[in-house]
Every structure is written in structure tokens, then in C-alpha cells.
């Protein structure tokens, strides 16, 4: 099968042509015109339909649940003098107590301790 070299003309030549000795890297022309690229008419139609539809009314159960919902509680910060560290979660004690001796800082410290 032979390739029609004219399809590569907008890209500066055909297969095997190089610019300043670089290997040829050609992309075939895009089938869709630039104004139609990155557009999905079907998805746009679905989105338009969702935006244009009125919201459905709430059911009695949903209305009751909304009435009982207290909403988001306001965030409360303790003063620094009242803050206490939390104990680790079960199973995390082993991880929290480990010291990683392989960090560059600890290795440098060990090297200076040995040389002193």
C-alpha cells in the first residue's frame, strides 16, 4: 500500500523528509474542521436538557428529612492552652514509634558522630 504524499503537504513534506537532519514526524491532517473539534453534540444536548428541565418536587419523606436536618455544625477551635495530643489509633502505635534511620539527615548525623 502506498501513501499519497500530497496529504502531508500542509506539514512540510512527505514521509522521509527531514528538517535540519531530524527524523520525520508527521501527523495526518485532522478530519474535523478546527471549529468543530472538542465538541460533543450529544453530550451538549443531554446537559442542555438537564439544565432546562424544572426540578422535580420533593417527596414527603425527603421534605421531612430536610426539616429534621440540623445542617453543618459550626467549626469550633480550642485555644492553644486547651489543645492536647490525641493518642494514635489502634495499630498505629508501631508506626508512630519507629525511627527511620535511612534518611539523609540521620545518616549525615551518624557520620559526624562516628568521626568525632
C-alpha atoms as a PDB file:
ATOM      1  CA  UNK A   1       0.000   0.000   0.000  1.00  0.00           C
ATOM      2  CA  UNK A   2       1.434   3.344  -0.974  1.00  0.00           C
ATOM      3  CA  UNK A   3       0.806   6.618   0.812  1.00  0.00           C
ATOM      4  CA  UNK A   4      -0.283   9.648  -1.149  1.00  0.00           C
ATOM      5  CA  UNK A   5       2.443  12.239  -0.395  1.00  0.00           C
ATOM      6  CA  UNK A   6       0.031  15.123  -1.049  1.00  0.00           C
ATOM      7  CA  UNK A   7      -1.753  14.501   2.254  1.00  0.00           C
ATOM      8  CA  UNK A   8       1.437  15.532   4.057  1.00  0.00           C
ATOM      9  CA  UNK A   9       1.903  18.753   2.107  1.00  0.00           C
ATOM     10  CA  UNK A  10       0.481  21.043   4.856  1.00  0.00           C
ATOM     11  CA  UNK A  11       3.036  19.567   7.249  1.00  0.00           C
ATOM     12  CA  UNK A  12       6.118  20.365   5.206  1.00  0.00           C
ATOM     13  CA  UNK A  13       6.710  17.360   3.005  1.00  0.00           C
ATOM     14  CA  UNK A  14       6.108  13.655   2.763  1.00  0.00           C
ATOM     15  CA  UNK A  15       7.373  10.556   4.530  1.00  0.00           C
ATOM     16  CA  UNK A  16      11.132  10.557   4.910  1.00  0.00           C
ATOM     17  CA  UNK A  17      11.580  14.311   4.603  1.00  0.00           C
ATOM     18  CA  UNK A  18      13.518  15.905   7.418  1.00  0.00           C
ATOM     19  CA  UNK A  19      14.163  19.381   8.709  1.00  0.00           C
ATOM     20  CA  UNK A  20      17.809  20.003   9.602  1.00  0.00           C
ATOM     21  CA  UNK A  21      18.549  16.260   9.686  1.00  0.00           C
ATOM     22  CA  UNK A  22      15.831  15.455  12.241  1.00  0.00           C
ATOM     23  CA  UNK A  23      13.765  12.316  11.701  1.00  0.00           C
ATOM     24  CA  UNK A  24      10.427  12.857  10.007  1.00  0.00           C
ATOM     25  CA  UNK A  25       7.485  13.046  12.390  1.00  0.00           C
ATOM     26  CA  UNK A  26       4.291  13.761  10.528  1.00  0.00           C
ATOM     27  CA  UNK A  27       0.732  13.863  11.729  1.00  0.00           C
ATOM     28  CA  UNK A  28      -2.025  13.274   9.215  1.00  0.00           C
ATOM     29  CA  UNK A  29      -4.468  16.148   8.881  1.00  0.00           C
ATOM     30  CA  UNK A  30      -7.445  16.124  11.230  1.00  0.00           C
ATOM     31  CA  UNK A  31     -10.708  15.015   9.687  1.00  0.00           C
ATOM     32  CA  UNK A  32     -12.872  17.530  11.578  1.00  0.00           C
ATOM     33  CA  UNK A  33     -12.555  21.240  10.828  1.00  0.00           C
ATOM     34  CA  UNK A  34     -10.978  23.313  13.635  1.00  0.00           C
ATOM     35  CA  UNK A  35     -14.314  24.931  14.528  1.00  0.00           C
ATOM     36  CA  UNK A  36     -15.891  21.538  15.263  1.00  0.00           C
ATOM     37  CA  UNK A  37     -13.098  19.979  17.329  1.00  0.00           C
ATOM     38  CA  UNK A  38     -13.566  19.276  21.043  1.00  0.00           C
ATOM     39  CA  UNK A  39     -17.350  19.425  20.715  1.00  0.00           C
ATOM     40  CA  UNK A  40     -19.779  16.638  21.566  1.00  0.00           C
ATOM     41  CA  UNK A  41     -23.248  17.495  20.329  1.00  0.00           C
ATOM     42  CA  UNK A  42     -24.885  14.511  22.053  1.00  0.00           C
ATOM     43  CA  UNK A  43     -23.390  15.381  25.455  1.00  0.00           C
ATOM     44  CA  UNK A  44     -24.236  19.058  24.979  1.00  0.00           C
ATOM     45  CA  UNK A  45     -27.849  18.080  24.265  1.00  0.00           C
ATOM     46  CA  UNK A  46     -28.071  15.991  27.433  1.00  0.00           C
ATOM     47  CA  UNK A  47     -26.579  18.810  29.523  1.00  0.00           C
ATOM     48  CA  UNK A  48     -28.952  21.341  27.949  1.00  0.00           C
ATOM     49  CA  UNK A  49     -31.899  19.079  28.752  1.00  0.00           C
ATOM     50  CA  UNK A  50     -30.850  18.740  32.395  1.00  0.00           C
ATOM     51  CA  UNK A  51     -30.467  22.484  32.779  1.00  0.00           C
ATOM     52  CA  UNK A  52     -33.754  23.327  31.054  1.00  0.00           C
ATOM     53  CA  UNK A  53     -35.862  20.776  32.984  1.00  0.00           C
ATOM     54  CA  UNK A  54     -37.517  22.077  36.124  1.00  0.00           C
ATOM     55  CA  UNK A  55     -36.513  20.320  39.336  1.00  0.00           C
ATOM     56  CA  UNK A  56     -38.935  17.625  40.482  1.00  0.00           C
ATOM     57  CA  UNK A  57     -40.872  18.310  43.663  1.00  0.00           C
ATOM     58  CA  UNK A  58     -39.620  16.699  46.869  1.00  0.00           C
ATOM     59  CA  UNK A  59     -41.390  13.633  48.173  1.00  0.00           C
ATOM     60  CA  UNK A  60     -42.974  13.745  51.639  1.00  0.00           C
ATOM     61  CA  UNK A  61     -40.132  11.628  53.002  1.00  0.00           C
ATOM     62  CA  UNK A  62     -37.474  13.950  51.532  1.00  0.00           C
ATOM     63  CA  UNK A  63     -39.302  17.018  52.853  1.00  0.00           C
ATOM     64  CA  UNK A  64     -39.444  15.521  56.387  1.00  0.00           C
ATOM     65  CA  UNK A  65     -35.756  14.576  56.259  1.00  0.00           C
ATOM     66  CA  UNK A  66     -34.851  18.111  55.177  1.00  0.00           C
ATOM     67  CA  UNK A  67     -36.869  19.552  58.057  1.00  0.00           C
ATOM     68  CA  UNK A  68     -35.031  17.332  60.581  1.00  0.00           C
ATOM     69  CA  UNK A  69     -31.576  18.000  59.134  1.00  0.00           C
ATOM     70  CA  UNK A  70     -29.626  20.250  61.527  1.00  0.00           C
ATOM     71  CA  UNK A  71     -27.189  21.305  58.807  1.00  0.00           C
ATOM     72  CA  UNK A  72     -23.450  21.691  59.165  1.00  0.00           C
ATOM     73  CA  UNK A  73     -22.273  22.405  62.695  1.00  0.00           C
ATOM     74  CA  UNK A  74     -20.093  25.487  63.055  1.00  0.00           C
ATOM     75  CA  UNK A  75     -16.394  24.770  63.419  1.00  0.00           C
ATOM     76  CA  UNK A  76     -15.066  25.290  66.920  1.00  0.00           C
ATOM     77  CA  UNK A  77     -11.394  25.850  67.676  1.00  0.00           C
ATOM     78  CA  UNK A  78      -9.920  25.217  71.086  1.00  0.00           C
ATOM     79  CA  UNK A  79      -7.453  27.745  72.426  1.00  0.00           C
ATOM     80  CA  UNK A  80      -3.814  26.628  72.226  1.00  0.00           C
ATOM     81  CA  UNK A  81      -3.678  26.166  76.014  1.00  0.00           C
ATOM     82  CA  UNK A  82      -6.530  23.622  75.849  1.00  0.00           C
ATOM     83  CA  UNK A  83      -5.229  21.514  72.963  1.00  0.00           C
ATOM     84  CA  UNK A  84      -3.955  18.060  73.879  1.00  0.00           C
ATOM     85  CA  UNK A  85      -2.361  15.449  71.620  1.00  0.00           C
ATOM     86  CA  UNK A  86      -4.587  12.577  70.583  1.00  0.00           C
ATOM     87  CA  UNK A  87      -3.359   9.032  71.197  1.00  0.00           C
ATOM     88  CA  UNK A  88      -2.579   7.085  67.994  1.00  0.00           C
ATOM     89  CA  UNK A  89      -5.295   4.895  66.509  1.00  0.00           C
ATOM     90  CA  UNK A  90      -5.107   1.174  67.306  1.00  0.00           C
ATOM     91  CA  UNK A  91      -2.438  -0.457  65.185  1.00  0.00           C
ATOM     92  CA  UNK A  92      -0.630   2.827  64.520  1.00  0.00           C
ATOM     93  CA  UNK A  93       1.470   2.670  67.699  1.00  0.00           C
ATOM     94  CA  UNK A  94       4.076   0.597  65.866  1.00  0.00           C
ATOM     95  CA  UNK A  95       4.332   3.151  63.060  1.00  0.00           C
ATOM     96  CA  UNK A  96       4.362   6.202  65.320  1.00  0.00           C
ATOM     97  CA  UNK A  97       7.187   4.833  67.460  1.00  0.00           C
ATOM     98  CA  UNK A  98       9.504   3.844  64.590  1.00  0.00           C
ATOM     99  CA  UNK A  99      12.505   5.963  63.715  1.00  0.00           C
ATOM    100  CA  UNK A 100      13.682   5.872  60.114  1.00  0.00           C
ATOM    101  CA  UNK A 101      17.473   5.653  60.222  1.00  0.00           C
ATOM    102  CA  UNK A 102      17.812   5.776  56.418  1.00  0.00           C
ATOM    103  CA  UNK A 103      17.061   9.474  55.966  1.00  0.00           C
ATOM    104  CA  UNK A 104      19.954  11.563  54.597  1.00  0.00           C
ATOM    105  CA  UNK A 105      19.847  13.822  57.653  1.00  0.00           C
ATOM    106  CA  UNK A 106      20.201  10.946  60.120  1.00  0.00           C
ATOM    107  CA  UNK A 107      22.932   9.303  58.034  1.00  0.00           C
ATOM    108  CA  UNK A 108      24.879  12.582  57.977  1.00  0.00           C
ATOM    109  CA  UNK A 109      24.443  12.932  61.747  1.00  0.00           C
ATOM    110  CA  UNK A 110      25.668   9.350  62.289  1.00  0.00           C
ATOM    111  CA  UNK A 111      28.709  10.024  60.080  1.00  0.00           C
ATOM    112  CA  UNK A 112      29.636  13.120  62.097  1.00  0.00           C
ATOM    113  CA  UNK A 113      29.086  11.242  65.383  1.00  0.00           C
ATOM    114  CA  UNK A 114      31.429   8.439  64.243  1.00  0.00           C
ATOM    115  CA  UNK A 115      34.144  10.859  63.117  1.00  0.00           C
ATOM    116  CA  UNK A 116      34.119  12.798  66.414  1.00  0.00           C
END
